[in-house]
Amino acid sequence: MAYDYDLFIIGAGSGGVRASRIAAGYGARVGICEDYRVGGTCVIRGCVPKKLLVYGSKFAHEFETRWPTAGCAARPRIPGRRCATTCRKRSIA
């Protein structure tokens, strides 16, 4: 019996997308289906957006504390410091 796909994946969350890419990289004909949005809960609404918000909230502090070791001749001016502080206060740890 012949099939259209070598691998058919149900669910295009991060695991399903990764599995389909790996299989396709080895030459498999891959089909994937998703009911709502590709990426899954973690990528769209969960872990990844939270991690980006937390990273962004810490950026100004890290930049200010490490500029002397980065070879900068003068202290850099960071616009948006107030924004970073606000994000840090609102971030979910």
PDB file of N, CA and C in Angstrom:
ATOM      1  N   MET A   1       0.837  -1.177   0.000  1.00  0.00           N
ATOM      2  CA  MET A   1       0.000   0.000   0.000  1.00  0.00           C
ATOM      3  C   MET A   1       0.885   1.245   0.000  1.00  0.00           C
ATOM      4  N   ALA A   2       0.606   2.206  -0.860  1.00  0.00           N
ATOM      5  CA  ALA A   2       1.398   3.429  -0.951  1.00  0.00           C
ATOM      6  C   ALA A   2       0.723   4.538  -0.142  1.00  0.00           C
ATOM      7  N   TYR A   3       1.545   5.333   0.506  1.00  0.00           N
ATOM      8  CA  TYR A   3       1.054   6.463   1.299  1.00  0.00           C
ATOM      9  C   TYR A   3       1.628   7.763   0.739  1.00  0.00           C
ATOM     10  N   ASP A   4       0.915   8.875   1.014  1.00  0.00           N
ATOM     11  CA  ASP A   4       1.385  10.186   0.575  1.00  0.00           C
ATOM     12  C   ASP A   4       2.532  10.694   1.439  1.00  0.00           C
ATOM     13  N   TYR A   5       2.584  10.224   2.675  1.00  0.00           N
ATOM     14  CA  TYR A   5       3.587  10.698   3.635  1.00  0.00           C
ATOM     15  C   TYR A   5       4.333   9.532   4.259  1.00  0.00           C
ATOM     16  N   ASP A   6       5.585   9.776   4.571  1.00  0.00           N
ATOM     17  CA  ASP A   6       6.350   8.807   5.356  1.00  0.00           C
ATOM     18  C   ASP A   6       6.046   8.985   6.846  1.00  0.00           C
ATOM     19  N   LEU A   7       5.734  10.229   7.224  1.00  0.00           N
ATOM     20  CA  LEU A   7       5.426  10.555   8.623  1.00  0.00           C
ATOM     21  C   LEU A   7       4.333  11.614   8.634  1.00  0.00           C
ATOM     22  N   PHE A   8       3.286  11.371   9.412  1.00  0.00           N
ATOM     23  CA  PHE A   8       2.218  12.353   9.558  1.00  0.00           C
ATOM     24  C   PHE A   8       2.110  12.696  11.039  1.00  0.00           C
ATOM     25  N   ILE A   9       2.249  13.993  11.344  1.00  0.00           N
ATOM     26  CA  ILE A   9       2.287  14.434  12.738  1.00  0.00           C
ATOM     27  C   ILE A   9       1.006  15.182  13.069  1.00  0.00           C
ATOM     28  N   ILE A  10       0.392  14.803  14.174  1.00  0.00           N
ATOM     29  CA  ILE A  10      -0.808  15.469  14.657  1.00  0.00           C
ATOM     30  C   ILE A  10      -0.390  16.402  15.794  1.00  0.00           C
ATOM     31  N   GLY A  11      -0.538  17.685  15.561  1.00  0.00           N
ATOM     32  CA  GLY A  11      -0.168  18.685  16.563  1.00  0.00           C
ATOM     33  C   GLY A  11       1.104  19.406  16.162  1.00  0.00           C
ATOM     34  N   ALA A  12       0.988  20.703  15.908  1.00  0.00           N
ATOM     35  CA  ALA A  12       2.140  21.492  15.479  1.00  0.00           C
ATOM     36  C   ALA A  12       2.661  22.362  16.614  1.00  0.00           C
ATOM     37  N   GLY A  13       2.760  21.767  17.792  1.00  0.00           N
ATOM     38  CA  GLY A  13       3.431  22.442  18.898  1.00  0.00           C
ATOM     39  C   GLY A  13       4.928  22.369  18.679  1.00  0.00           C
ATOM     40  N   SER A  14       5.690  22.789  19.662  1.00  0.00           N
ATOM     41  CA  SER A  14       7.143  22.808  19.476  1.00  0.00           C
ATOM     42  C   SER A  14       7.705  21.410  19.211  1.00  0.00           C
ATOM     43  N   GLY A  15       7.165  20.388  19.840  1.00  0.00           N
ATOM     44  CA  GLY A  15       7.639  19.017  19.611  1.00  0.00           C
ATOM     45  C   GLY A  15       7.284  18.498  18.229  1.00  0.00           C
ATOM     46  N   GLY A  16       6.050  18.747  17.799  1.00  0.00           N
ATOM     47  CA  GLY A  16       5.617  18.293  16.478  1.00  0.00           C
ATOM     48  C   GLY A  16       6.367  18.965  15.347  1.00  0.00           C
ATOM     49  N   VAL A  17       6.579  20.271  15.489  1.00  0.00           N
ATOM     50  CA  VAL A  17       7.313  21.007  14.455  1.00  0.00           C
ATOM     51  C   VAL A  17       8.756  20.526  14.386  1.00  0.00           C
ATOM     52  N   ARG A  18       9.372  20.331  15.544  1.00  0.00           N
ATOM     53  CA  ARG A  18      10.764  19.872  15.585  1.00  0.00           C
ATOM     54  C   ARG A  18      10.899  18.475  14.971  1.00  0.00           C
ATOM     55  N   ALA A  19       9.991  17.576  15.328  1.00  0.00           N
ATOM     56  CA  ALA A  19      10.039  16.217  14.784  1.00  0.00           C
ATOM     57  C   ALA A  19       9.861  16.216  13.270  1.00  0.00           C
ATOM     58  N   SER A  20       8.961  17.060  12.782  1.00  0.00           N
ATOM     59  CA  SER A  20       8.742  17.104  11.333  1.00  0.00           C
ATOM     60  C   SER A  20       9.956  17.669  10.596  1.00  0.00           C
ATOM     61  N   ARG A  21      10.609  18.667  11.189  1.00  0.00           N
ATOM     62  CA  ARG A  21      11.806  19.227  10.544  1.00  0.00           C
ATOM     63  C   ARG A  21      12.957  18.219  10.511  1.00  0.00           C
ATOM     64  N   ILE A  22      13.130  17.505  11.585  1.00  0.00           N
ATOM     65  CA  ILE A  22      14.211  16.507  11.623  1.00  0.00           C
ATOM     66  C   ILE A  22      13.948  15.411  10.593  1.00  0.00           C
ATOM     67  N   ALA A  23      12.704  14.909  10.569  1.00  0.00           N
ATOM     68  CA  ALA A  23      12.364  13.850   9.613  1.00  0.00           C
ATOM     69  C   ALA A  23      12.523  14.334   8.174  1.00  0.00           C
ATOM     70  N   ALA A  24      12.067  15.549   7.896  1.00  0.00           N
ATOM     71  CA  ALA A  24      12.207  16.101   6.543  1.00  0.00           C
ATOM     72  C   ALA A  24      13.674  16.285   6.177  1.00  0.00           C
ATOM     73  N   GLY A  25      14.494  16.603   7.157  1.00  0.00           N
ATOM     74  CA  GLY A  25      15.928  16.744   6.918  1.00  0.00           C
ATOM     75  C   GLY A  25      16.584  15.441   6.479  1.00  0.00           C
ATOM     76  N   TYR A  26      15.973  14.331   6.876  1.00  0.00           N
ATOM     77  CA  TYR A  26      16.475  13.024   6.457  1.00  0.00           C
ATOM     78  C   TYR A  26      15.806  12.531   5.171  1.00  0.00           C
ATOM     79  N   GLY A  27      14.988  13.397   4.571  1.00  0.00           N
ATOM     80  CA  GLY A  27      14.389  13.049   3.292  1.00  0.00           C
ATOM     81  C   GLY A  27      12.985  12.464   3.370  1.00  0.00           C
ATOM     82  N   ALA A  28      12.390  12.410   4.544  1.00  0.00           N
ATOM     83  CA  ALA A  28      11.035  11.874   4.681  1.00  0.00           C
ATOM     84  C   ALA A  28      10.015  12.869   4.144  1.00  0.00           C
ATOM     85  N   ARG A  29       8.950  12.332   3.596  1.00  0.00           N
ATOM     86  CA  ARG A  29       7.819  13.177   3.195  1.00  0.00           C
ATOM     87  C   ARG A  29       6.927  13.316   4.418  1.00  0.00           C
ATOM     88  N   VAL A  30       6.808  14.537   4.903  1.00  0.00           N
ATOM     89  CA  VAL A  30       6.150  14.770   6.187  1.00  0.00           C
ATOM     90  C   VAL A  30       4.896  15.603   6.016  1.00  0.00           C
ATOM     91  N   GLY A  31       3.834  15.199   6.701  1.00  0.00           N
ATOM     92  CA  GLY A  31       2.604  15.972   6.783  1.00  0.00           C
ATOM     93  C   GLY A  31       2.372  16.338   8.238  1.00  0.00           C
ATOM     94  N   ILE A  32       1.801  17.509   8.466  1.00  0.00           N
ATOM     95  CA  ILE A  32       1.551  17.946   9.838  1.00  0.00           C
ATOM     96  C   ILE A  32       0.199  18.665   9.871  1.00  0.00           C
ATOM     97  N   CYS A  33      -0.565  18.444  10.923  1.00  0.00           N
ATOM     98  CA  CYS A  33      -1.841  19.147  11.034  1.00  0.00           C
ATOM     99  C   CYS A  33      -1.947  19.781  12.420  1.00  0.00           C
ATOM    100  N   GLU A  34      -2.635  20.905  12.459  1.00  0.00           N
ATOM    101  CA  GLU A  34      -2.829  21.634  13.708  1.00  0.00           C
ATOM    102  C   GLU A  34      -4.215  22.247  13.669  1.00  0.00           C
ATOM    103  N   ASP A  35      -4.924  22.192  14.769  1.00  0.00           N
ATOM    104  CA  ASP A  35      -6.286  22.698  14.852  1.00  0.00           C
ATOM    105  C   ASP A  35      -6.343  24.214  14.929  1.00  0.00           C
ATOM    106  N   TYR A  36      -5.372  24.832  15.632  1.00  0.00           N
ATOM    107  CA  TYR A  36      -5.490  26.266  15.866  1.00  0.00           C
ATOM    108  C   TYR A  36      -4.307  27.040  15.304  1.00  0.00           C
ATOM    109  N   ARG A  37      -3.209  27.166  16.055  1.00  0.00           N
ATOM    110  CA  ARG A  37      -2.053  27.953  15.621  1.00  0.00           C
ATOM    111  C   ARG A  37      -0.777  27.132  15.770  1.00  0.00           C
ATOM    112  N   VAL A  38       0.078  27.204  14.778  1.00  0.00           N
ATOM    113  CA  VAL A  38       1.356  26.499  14.824  1.00  0.00           C
ATOM    114  C   VAL A  38       2.230  27.119  15.904  1.00  0.00           C
ATOM    115  N   GLY A  39       2.854  26.292  16.695  1.00  0.00           N
ATOM    116  CA  GLY A  39       3.739  26.767  17.751  1.00  0.00           C
ATOM    117  C   GLY A  39       3.361  26.218  19.115  1.00  0.00           C
ATOM    118  N   GLY A  40       2.087  26.026  19.344  1.00  0.00           N
ATOM    119  CA  GLY A  40       1.630  25.466  20.603  1.00  0.00           C
ATOM    120  C   GLY A  40       1.553  26.482  21.732  1.00  0.00           C
ATOM    121  N   THR A  41       1.047  26.027  22.853  1.00  0.00           N
ATOM    122  CA  THR A  41       0.818  26.894  24.004  1.00  0.00           C
ATOM    123  C   THR A  41       2.104  27.517  24.529  1.00  0.00           C
ATOM    124  N   CYS A  42       3.155  26.757  24.641  1.00  0.00           N
ATOM    125  CA  CYS A  42       4.396  27.270  25.223  1.00  0.00           C
ATOM    126  C   CYS A  42       4.970  28.421  24.401  1.00  0.00           C
ATOM    127  N   VAL A  43       4.991  28.265  23.102  1.00  0.00           N
ATOM    128  CA  VAL A  43       5.579  29.285  22.229  1.00  0.00           C
ATOM    129  C   VAL A  43       4.694  30.521  22.118  1.00  0.00           C
ATOM    130  N   ILE A  44       3.400  30.342  22.000  1.00  0.00           N
ATOM    131  CA  ILE A  44       2.492  31.460  21.751  1.00  0.00           C
ATOM    132  C   ILE A  44       2.106  32.209  23.021  1.00  0.00           C
ATOM    133  N   ARG A  45       1.748  31.480  24.074  1.00  0.00           N
ATOM    134  CA  ARG A  45       1.224  32.148  25.271  1.00  0.00           C
ATOM    135  C   ARG A  45       2.000  31.857  26.544  1.00  0.00           C
ATOM    136  N   GLY A  46       2.938  30.941  26.530  1.00  0.00           N
ATOM    137  CA  GLY A  46       3.542  30.494  27.779  1.00  0.00           C
ATOM    138  C   GLY A  46       4.981  30.875  27.995  1.00  0.00           C
ATOM    139  N   CYS A  47       5.833  29.871  28.030  1.00  0.00           N
ATOM    140  CA  CYS A  47       7.230  30.025  28.456  1.00  0.00           C
ATOM    141  C   CYS A  47       8.030  31.036  27.638  1.00  0.00           C
ATOM    142  N   VAL A  48       7.945  30.972  26.331  1.00  0.00           N
ATOM    143  CA  VAL A  48       8.803  31.800  25.489  1.00  0.00           C
ATOM    144  C   VAL A  48       8.497  33.287  25.647  1.00  0.00           C
ATOM    145  N   PRO A  49       7.237  33.734  25.568  1.00  0.00           N
ATOM    146  CA  PRO A  49       6.981  35.162  25.791  1.00  0.00           C
ATOM    147  C   PRO A  49       7.418  35.634  27.171  1.00  0.00           C
ATOM    148  N   LYS A  50       7.234  34.789  28.186  1.00  0.00           N
ATOM    149  CA  LYS A  50       7.659  35.156  29.540  1.00  0.00           C
ATOM    150  C   LYS A  50       9.174  35.305  29.611  1.00  0.00           C
ATOM    151  N   LYS A  51       9.890  34.397  29.001  1.00  0.00           N
ATOM    152  CA  LYS A  51      11.351  34.471  29.037  1.00  0.00           C
ATOM    153  C   LYS A  51      11.857  35.723  28.328  1.00  0.00           C
ATOM    154  N   LEU A  52      11.228  36.106  27.220  1.00  0.00           N
ATOM    155  CA  LEU A  52      11.634  37.322  26.512  1.00  0.00           C
ATOM    156  C   LEU A  52      11.382  38.560  27.367  1.00  0.00           C
ATOM    157  N   LEU A  53      10.252  38.597  28.064  1.00  0.00           N
ATOM    158  CA  LEU A  53       9.947  39.738  28.922  1.00  0.00           C
ATOM    159  C   LEU A  53      10.957  39.839  30.068  1.00  0.00           C
ATOM    160  N   VAL A  54      11.275  38.722  30.690  1.00  0.00           N
ATOM    161  CA  VAL A  54      12.235  38.727  31.795  1.00  0.00           C
ATOM    162  C   VAL A  54      13.620  39.117  31.289  1.00  0.00           C
ATOM    163  N   TYR A  55      14.052  38.578  30.145  1.00  0.00           N
ATOM    164  CA  TYR A  55      15.349  38.939  29.573  1.00  0.00           C
ATOM    165  C   TYR A  55      15.423  40.432  29.292  1.00  0.00           C
ATOM    166  N   GLY A  56      14.376  40.959  28.677  1.00  0.00           N
ATOM    167  CA  GLY A  56      14.346  42.386  28.356  1.00  0.00           C
ATOM    168  C   GLY A  56      14.377  43.261  29.592  1.00  0.00           C
ATOM    169  N   SER A  57      13.742  42.815  30.664  1.00  0.00           N
ATOM    170  CA  SER A  57      13.704  43.623  31.879  1.00  0.00           C
ATOM    171  C   SER A  57      15.066  43.678  32.565  1.00  0.00           C
ATOM    172  N   LYS A  58      15.912  42.702  32.324  1.00  0.00           N
ATOM    173  CA  LYS A  58      17.234  42.660  32.973  1.00  0.00           C
ATOM    174  C   LYS A  58      18.338  43.266  32.111  1.00  0.00           C
ATOM    175  N   PHE A  59      18.027  43.574  30.860  1.00  0.00           N
ATOM    176  CA  PHE A  59      19.064  43.994  29.925  1.00  0.00           C
ATOM    177  C   PHE A  59      19.785  45.273  30.361  1.00  0.00           C
ATOM    178  N   ALA A  60      19.031  46.299  30.749  1.00  0.00           N
ATOM    179  CA  ALA A  60      19.649  47.577  31.110  1.00  0.00           C
ATOM    180  C   ALA A  60      20.598  47.410  32.298  1.00  0.00           C
ATOM    181  N   HIS A  61      20.188  46.644  33.297  1.00  0.00           N
ATOM    182  CA  HIS A  61      21.040  46.426  34.466  1.00  0.00           C
ATOM    183  C   HIS A  61      22.328  45.691  34.073  1.00  0.00           C
ATOM    184  N   GLU A  62      22.199  44.646  33.300  1.00  0.00           N
ATOM    185  CA  GLU A  62      23.377  43.887  32.868  1.00  0.00           C
ATOM    186  C   GLU A  62      24.320  44.768  32.046  1.00  0.00           C
ATOM    187  N   PHE A  63      23.763  45.578  31.176  1.00  0.00           N
ATOM    188  CA  PHE A  63      24.564  46.448  30.340  1.00  0.00           C
ATOM    189  C   PHE A  63      25.329  47.465  31.188  1.00  0.00           C
ATOM    190  N   GLU A  64      24.651  48.059  32.174  1.00  0.00           N
ATOM    191  CA  GLU A  64      25.292  49.053  33.032  1.00  0.00           C
ATOM    192  C   GLU A  64      26.404  48.453  33.889  1.00  0.00           C
ATOM    193  N   THR A  65      26.211  47.252  34.389  1.00  0.00           N
ATOM    194  CA  THR A  65      27.212  46.656  35.273  1.00  0.00           C
ATOM    195  C   THR A  65      28.405  46.059  34.523  1.00  0.00           C
ATOM    196  N   ARG A  66      28.240  45.755  33.250  1.00  0.00           N
ATOM    197  CA  ARG A  66      29.328  45.095  32.521  1.00  0.00           C
ATOM    198  C   ARG A  66      30.041  45.983  31.511  1.00  0.00           C
ATOM    199  N   TRP A  67      29.630  47.228  31.349  1.00  0.00           N
ATOM    200  CA  TRP A  67      30.248  48.068  30.323  1.00  0.00           C
ATOM    201  C   TRP A  67      31.735  48.273  30.531  1.00  0.00           C
ATOM    202  N   PRO A  68      32.279  48.348  31.781  1.00  0.00           N
ATOM    203  CA  PRO A  68      33.724  48.549  31.918  1.00  0.00           C
ATOM    204  C   PRO A  68      34.550  47.381  31.369  1.00  0.00           C
ATOM    205  N   THR A  69      34.032  46.165  31.474  1.00  0.00           N
ATOM    206  CA  THR A  69      34.781  44.995  31.006  1.00  0.00           C
ATOM    207  C   THR A  69      34.577  44.729  29.526  1.00  0.00           C
ATOM    208  N   ALA A  70      33.691  45.490  28.894  1.00  0.00           N
ATOM    209  CA  ALA A  70      33.411  45.281  27.474  1.00  0.00           C
ATOM    210  C   ALA A  70      34.306  46.127  26.572  1.00  0.00           C
ATOM    211  N   GLY A  71      35.186  46.922  27.159  1.00  0.00           N
ATOM    212  CA  GLY A  71      36.095  47.733  26.376  1.00  0.00           C
ATOM    213  C   GLY A  71      35.541  49.075  25.961  1.00  0.00           C
ATOM    214  N   CYS A  72      34.464  49.516  26.599  1.00  0.00           N
ATOM    215  CA  CYS A  72      33.893  50.829  26.277  1.00  0.00           C
ATOM    216  C   CYS A  72      34.763  51.927  26.885  1.00  0.00           C
ATOM    217  N   ALA A  73      35.014  52.982  26.114  1.00  0.00           N
ATOM    218  CA  ALA A  73      35.837  54.085  26.601  1.00  0.00           C
ATOM    219  C   ALA A  73      35.061  54.979  27.562  1.00  0.00           C
ATOM    220  N   ALA A  74      33.780  55.120  27.339  1.00  0.00           N
ATOM    221  CA  ALA A  74      32.954  55.974  28.194  1.00  0.00           C
ATOM    222  C   ALA A  74      31.690  55.226  28.592  1.00  0.00           C
ATOM    223  N   ARG A  75      31.107  55.643  29.693  1.00  0.00           N
ATOM    224  CA  ARG A  75      29.883  55.003  30.160  1.00  0.00           C
ATOM    225  C   ARG A  75      28.767  55.227  29.133  1.00  0.00           C
ATOM    226  N   PRO A  76      28.171  54.165  28.617  1.00  0.00           N
ATOM    227  CA  PRO A  76      27.112  54.319  27.629  1.00  0.00           C
ATOM    228  C   PRO A  76      25.839  54.857  28.276  1.00  0.00           C
ATOM    229  N   ARG A  77      25.093  55.623  27.506  1.00  0.00           N
ATOM    230  CA  ARG A  77      23.814  56.148  27.975  1.00  0.00           C
ATOM    231  C   ARG A  77      22.730  55.209  27.471  1.00  0.00           C
ATOM    232  N   ILE A  78      21.889  54.765  28.370  1.00  0.00           N
ATOM    233  CA  ILE A  78      20.858  53.803  27.999  1.00  0.00           C
ATOM    234  C   ILE A  78      19.505  54.484  27.995  1.00  0.00           C
ATOM    235  N   PRO A  79      18.949  54.769  26.816  1.00  0.00           N
ATOM    236  CA  PRO A  79      17.591  55.308  26.793  1.00  0.00           C
ATOM    237  C   PRO A  79      16.604  54.204  27.142  1.00  0.00           C
ATOM    238  N   GLY A  80      15.521  54.577  27.728  1.00  0.00           N
ATOM    239  CA  GLY A  80      14.504  53.579  28.060  1.00  0.00           C
ATOM    240  C   GLY A  80      14.746  52.888  29.380  1.00  0.00           C
ATOM    241  N   ARG A  81      15.586  53.444  30.223  1.00  0.00           N
ATOM    242  CA  ARG A  81      15.851  52.836  31.532  1.00  0.00           C
ATOM    243  C   ARG A  81      14.567  52.693  32.340  1.00  0.00           C
ATOM    244  N   ARG A  82      13.729  53.712  32.275  1.00  0.00           N
ATOM    245  CA  ARG A  82      12.482  53.667  33.017  1.00  0.00           C
ATOM    246  C   ARG A  82      11.591  52.533  32.507  1.00  0.00           C
ATOM    247  N   CYS A  83      11.604  52.319  31.212  1.00  0.00           N
ATOM    248  CA  CYS A  83      10.815  51.239  30.632  1.00  0.00           C
ATOM    249  C   CYS A  83      11.291  49.886  31.128  1.00  0.00           C
ATOM    250  N   ALA A  84      12.594  49.682  31.169  1.00  0.00           N
ATOM    251  CA  ALA A  84      13.151  48.410  31.642  1.00  0.00           C
ATOM    252  C   ALA A  84      12.796  48.170  33.105  1.00  0.00           C
ATOM    253  N   THR A  85      12.841  49.227  33.918  1.00  0.00           N
ATOM    254  CA  THR A  85      12.492  49.087  35.325  1.00  0.00           C
ATOM    255  C   THR A  85      11.016  48.712  35.460  1.00  0.00           C
ATOM    256  N   THR A  86      10.168  49.323  34.666  1.00  0.00           N
ATOM    257  CA  THR A  86       8.743  49.010  34.701  1.00  0.00           C
ATOM    258  C   THR A  86       8.503  47.568  34.311  1.00  0.00           C
ATOM    259  N   CYS A  87       9.163  47.107  33.255  1.00  0.00           N
ATOM    260  CA  CYS A  87       9.024  45.711  32.823  1.00  0.00           C
ATOM    261  C   CYS A  87       9.467  44.752  33.915  1.00  0.00           C
ATOM    262  N   ARG A  88      10.565  45.074  34.601  1.00  0.00           N
ATOM    263  CA  ARG A  88      11.073  44.215  35.660  1.00  0.00           C
ATOM    264  C   ARG A  88      10.042  44.085  36.774  1.00  0.00           C
ATOM    265  N   LYS A  89       9.385  45.168  37.116  1.00  0.00           N
ATOM    266  CA  LYS A  89       8.385  45.138  38.189  1.00  0.00           C
ATOM    267  C   LYS A  89       7.165  44.313  37.792  1.00  0.00           C
ATOM    268  N   ARG A  90       6.849  44.316  36.517  1.00  0.00           N
ATOM    269  CA  ARG A  90       5.644  43.621  36.056  1.00  0.00           C
ATOM    270  C   ARG A  90       5.903  42.203  35.616  1.00  0.00           C
ATOM    271  N   SER A  91       7.146  41.794  35.485  1.00  0.00           N
ATOM    272  CA  SER A  91       7.455  40.462  34.961  1.00  0.00           C
ATOM    273  C   SER A  91       7.041  39.388  35.958  1.00  0.00           C
ATOM    274  N   ILE A  92       6.732  38.236  35.409  1.00  0.00           N
ATOM    275  CA  ILE A  92       6.344  37.095  36.230  1.00  0.00           C
ATOM    276  C   ILE A  92       7.562  36.202  36.376  1.00  0.00           C
ATOM    277  N   ALA A  93       8.032  36.047  37.581  1.00  0.00           N
ATOM    278  CA  ALA A  93       9.264  35.265  37.810  1.00  0.00           C
ATOM    279  C   ALA A  93       8.987  33.789  37.823  1.00  0.00           C
TER     280      ALA A  93
END
